[in-house]
Amino acid sequence: MQTGDRLRLERERLGHTQTEMAKISGVAFRTYCDYEAGKTEPKASLFEAIHKAGADVMYILTGQRSSPQNISMEEQKLVENYRAMDDAARLNIQAVGDSFAQSKPKLKSGND
């Protein structure tokens, strides 16, 4: 499997179209398609941009997934979903997360 193949698989994992990934990476649509087709090699700036969008650059370059940093599958899914959101959705989820983190459930004691 070549870099272009892994670039396509990672784009699909993130749920983006080629048009969206071209925009995210700051390249022309045709240029991005050429990367996936293996006609040309992406520049470093593409990898920086798609990493910010949630792509696993280590996987694209080497075929090996980045090591999770001791997080559960549920936590990994939350991260993946968060990275796939637009800015407005991220702000909403941050507010909800802050609200839940600050609330402390009242536990019933044996004397209640």
C-alpha atoms as a PDB file:
ATOM      1  CA  MET A   1       0.000   0.000   0.000  1.00  0.00           C
ATOM      2  CA  GLN A   2       1.348   3.405  -0.996  1.00  0.00           C
ATOM      3  CA  THR A   3       1.133   6.818   0.667  1.00  0.00           C
ATOM      4  CA  GLY A   4      -1.700   7.874  -1.649  1.00  0.00           C
ATOM      5  CA  ASP A   5      -3.733   4.809  -0.705  1.00  0.00           C
ATOM      6  CA  ARG A   6      -3.311   5.526   3.006  1.00  0.00           C
ATOM      7  CA  LEU A   7      -4.145   9.197   2.418  1.00  0.00           C
ATOM      8  CA  ARG A   8      -7.436   8.086   0.826  1.00  0.00           C
ATOM      9  CA  LEU A   9      -8.194   5.639   3.642  1.00  0.00           C
ATOM     10  CA  GLU A  10      -7.524   8.283   6.274  1.00  0.00           C
ATOM     11  CA  ARG A  11      -9.738  10.788   4.432  1.00  0.00           C
ATOM     12  CA  GLU A  12     -12.520   8.200   4.351  1.00  0.00           C
ATOM     13  CA  ARG A  13     -12.030   7.409   8.057  1.00  0.00           C
ATOM     14  CA  LEU A  14     -12.499  11.101   8.824  1.00  0.00           C
ATOM     15  CA  GLY A  15     -15.609  11.227   6.645  1.00  0.00           C
ATOM     16  CA  HIS A  16     -14.351  13.863   4.201  1.00  0.00           C
ATOM     17  CA  THR A  17     -14.676  14.128   0.441  1.00  0.00           C
ATOM     18  CA  GLN A  18     -11.692  14.838  -1.783  1.00  0.00           C
ATOM     19  CA  THR A  19     -13.016  18.371  -2.255  1.00  0.00           C
ATOM     20  CA  GLU A  20     -13.154  18.912   1.513  1.00  0.00           C
ATOM     21  CA  MET A  21      -9.652  17.520   2.067  1.00  0.00           C
ATOM     22  CA  ALA A  22      -8.257  19.677  -0.728  1.00  0.00           C
ATOM     23  CA  LYS A  23      -9.740  22.724   0.983  1.00  0.00           C
ATOM     24  CA  ILE A  24      -8.487  21.634   4.425  1.00  0.00           C
ATOM     25  CA  SER A  25      -4.993  21.046   3.074  1.00  0.00           C
ATOM     26  CA  GLY A  26      -4.913  24.263   1.057  1.00  0.00           C
ATOM     27  CA  VAL A  27      -4.295  22.665  -2.331  1.00  0.00           C
ATOM     28  CA  ALA A  28      -6.250  22.527  -5.568  1.00  0.00           C
ATOM     29  CA  PHE A  29      -8.728  19.690  -5.970  1.00  0.00           C
ATOM     30  CA  ARG A  30      -6.750  18.179  -8.870  1.00  0.00           C
ATOM     31  CA  THR A  31      -3.527  18.344  -6.841  1.00  0.00           C
ATOM     32  CA  TYR A  32      -5.152  16.505  -3.948  1.00  0.00           C
ATOM     33  CA  CYS A  33      -6.550  13.855  -6.306  1.00  0.00           C
ATOM     34  CA  ASP A  34      -3.049  13.383  -7.733  1.00  0.00           C
ATOM     35  CA  TYR A  35      -1.731  12.765  -4.200  1.00  0.00           C
ATOM     36  CA  GLU A  36      -4.292  10.034  -3.586  1.00  0.00           C
ATOM     37  CA  ALA A  37      -3.639   8.521  -7.009  1.00  0.00           C
ATOM     38  CA  GLY A  38       0.093   8.390  -6.277  1.00  0.00           C
ATOM     39  CA  LYS A  39       0.961  10.638  -9.214  1.00  0.00           C
ATOM     40  CA  THR A  40       2.740  13.162  -6.975  1.00  0.00           C
ATOM     41  CA  GLU A  41       3.949  13.205  -3.375  1.00  0.00           C
ATOM     42  CA  PRO A  42       2.340  15.615  -0.896  1.00  0.00           C
ATOM     43  CA  LYS A  43       4.392  18.416   0.637  1.00  0.00           C
ATOM     44  CA  ALA A  44       4.945  18.725   4.378  1.00  0.00           C
ATOM     45  CA  SER A  45       2.435  21.579   4.607  1.00  0.00           C
ATOM     46  CA  LEU A  46      -0.358  19.182   3.593  1.00  0.00           C
ATOM     47  CA  PHE A  47       0.463  16.843   6.458  1.00  0.00           C
ATOM     48  CA  GLU A  48       0.500  19.707   8.947  1.00  0.00           C
ATOM     49  CA  ALA A  49      -2.928  20.881   7.769  1.00  0.00           C
ATOM     50  CA  ILE A  50      -4.597  17.483   7.761  1.00  0.00           C
ATOM     51  CA  HIS A  51      -3.089  16.608  11.148  1.00  0.00           C
ATOM     52  CA  LYS A  52      -4.921  19.628  12.571  1.00  0.00           C
ATOM     53  CA  ALA A  53      -8.107  18.192  11.044  1.00  0.00           C
ATOM     54  CA  GLY A  54      -7.595  14.888  12.879  1.00  0.00           C
ATOM     55  CA  ALA A  55      -5.659  12.805  10.367  1.00  0.00           C
ATOM     56  CA  ASP A  56      -3.153  10.254  11.644  1.00  0.00           C
ATOM     57  CA  VAL A  57      -0.105  11.456   9.709  1.00  0.00           C
ATOM     58  CA  MET A  58       2.073   8.661  11.089  1.00  0.00           C
ATOM     59  CA  TYR A  59      -0.280   6.147   9.492  1.00  0.00           C
ATOM     60  CA  ILE A  60      -0.289   7.955   6.148  1.00  0.00           C
ATOM     61  CA  LEU A  61       3.508   8.076   6.025  1.00  0.00           C
ATOM     62  CA  THR A  62       4.426   4.689   7.486  1.00  0.00           C
ATOM     63  CA  GLY A  63       1.324   2.510   7.540  1.00  0.00           C
ATOM     64  CA  GLN A  64       1.551   2.291  11.349  1.00  0.00           C
ATOM     65  CA  ARG A  65      -1.112   3.966  13.467  1.00  0.00           C
ATOM     66  CA  SER A  66       0.026   6.458  16.074  1.00  0.00           C
ATOM     67  CA  SER A  67       0.053   4.950  19.526  1.00  0.00           C
ATOM     68  CA  PRO A  68      -2.946   5.912  21.567  1.00  0.00           C
ATOM     69  CA  GLN A  69      -1.866   7.720  24.689  1.00  0.00           C
ATOM     70  CA  ASN A  70      -3.446   5.300  27.148  1.00  0.00           C
ATOM     71  CA  ILE A  71      -7.001   6.215  26.274  1.00  0.00           C
ATOM     72  CA  SER A  72      -9.973   3.916  25.967  1.00  0.00           C
ATOM     73  CA  MET A  73     -11.808   3.190  22.736  1.00  0.00           C
ATOM     74  CA  GLU A  74     -14.672   5.397  23.953  1.00  0.00           C
ATOM     75  CA  GLU A  75     -12.250   8.270  24.543  1.00  0.00           C
ATOM     76  CA  GLN A  76     -10.657   7.726  21.129  1.00  0.00           C
ATOM     77  CA  LYS A  77     -14.102   7.843  19.488  1.00  0.00           C
ATOM     78  CA  LEU A  78     -14.880  11.092  21.312  1.00  0.00           C
ATOM     79  CA  VAL A  79     -11.633  12.586  20.009  1.00  0.00           C
ATOM     80  CA  GLU A  80     -12.353  11.425  16.455  1.00  0.00           C
ATOM     81  CA  ASN A  81     -15.870  12.863  16.578  1.00  0.00           C
ATOM     82  CA  TYR A  82     -14.602  16.138  18.033  1.00  0.00           C
ATOM     83  CA  ARG A  83     -12.015  16.485  15.276  1.00  0.00           C
ATOM     84  CA  ALA A  84     -14.689  15.912  12.639  1.00  0.00           C
ATOM     85  CA  MET A  85     -16.886  18.752  13.978  1.00  0.00           C
ATOM     86  CA  ASP A  86     -17.009  22.295  12.690  1.00  0.00           C
ATOM     87  CA  ASP A  87     -15.990  25.177  14.973  1.00  0.00           C
ATOM     88  CA  ALA A  88     -19.544  25.910  16.160  1.00  0.00           C
ATOM     89  CA  ALA A  89     -20.145  22.292  17.132  1.00  0.00           C
ATOM     90  CA  ARG A  90     -16.810  22.181  18.961  1.00  0.00           C
ATOM     91  CA  LEU A  91     -17.775  25.220  21.026  1.00  0.00           C
ATOM     92  CA  ASN A  92     -21.082  23.584  21.940  1.00  0.00           C
ATOM     93  CA  ILE A  93     -19.480  20.301  22.946  1.00  0.00           C
ATOM     94  CA  GLN A  94     -16.880  22.148  25.032  1.00  0.00           C
ATOM     95  CA  ALA A  95     -19.646  23.972  26.901  1.00  0.00           C
ATOM     96  CA  VAL A  96     -21.535  20.729  27.538  1.00  0.00           C
ATOM     97  CA  GLY A  97     -18.345  18.991  28.672  1.00  0.00           C
ATOM     98  CA  ASP A  98     -17.493  21.846  31.030  1.00  0.00           C
ATOM     99  CA  SER A  99     -20.997  21.719  32.481  1.00  0.00           C
ATOM    100  CA  PHE A 100     -20.864  17.976  33.144  1.00  0.00           C
ATOM    101  CA  ALA A 101     -17.342  18.165  34.564  1.00  0.00           C
ATOM    102  CA  GLN A 102     -18.358  20.847  37.048  1.00  0.00           C
ATOM    103  CA  SER A 103     -21.532  19.150  38.242  1.00  0.00           C
ATOM    104  CA  LYS A 104     -21.136  16.711  41.092  1.00  0.00           C
ATOM    105  CA  PRO A 105     -23.827  14.077  41.463  1.00  0.00           C
ATOM    106  CA  LYS A 106     -25.266  13.715  44.938  1.00  0.00           C
ATOM    107  CA  LEU A 107     -24.615  10.239  46.237  1.00  0.00           C
ATOM    108  CA  LYS A 108     -27.005   8.713  48.721  1.00  0.00           C
ATOM    109  CA  SER A 109     -25.414   7.651  51.953  1.00  0.00           C
ATOM    110  CA  GLY A 110     -26.547   4.693  54.005  1.00  0.00           C
ATOM    111  CA  ASN A 111     -28.190   7.106  56.486  1.00  0.00           C
ATOM    112  CA  ASP A 112     -30.636   8.656  54.005  1.00  0.00           C
END
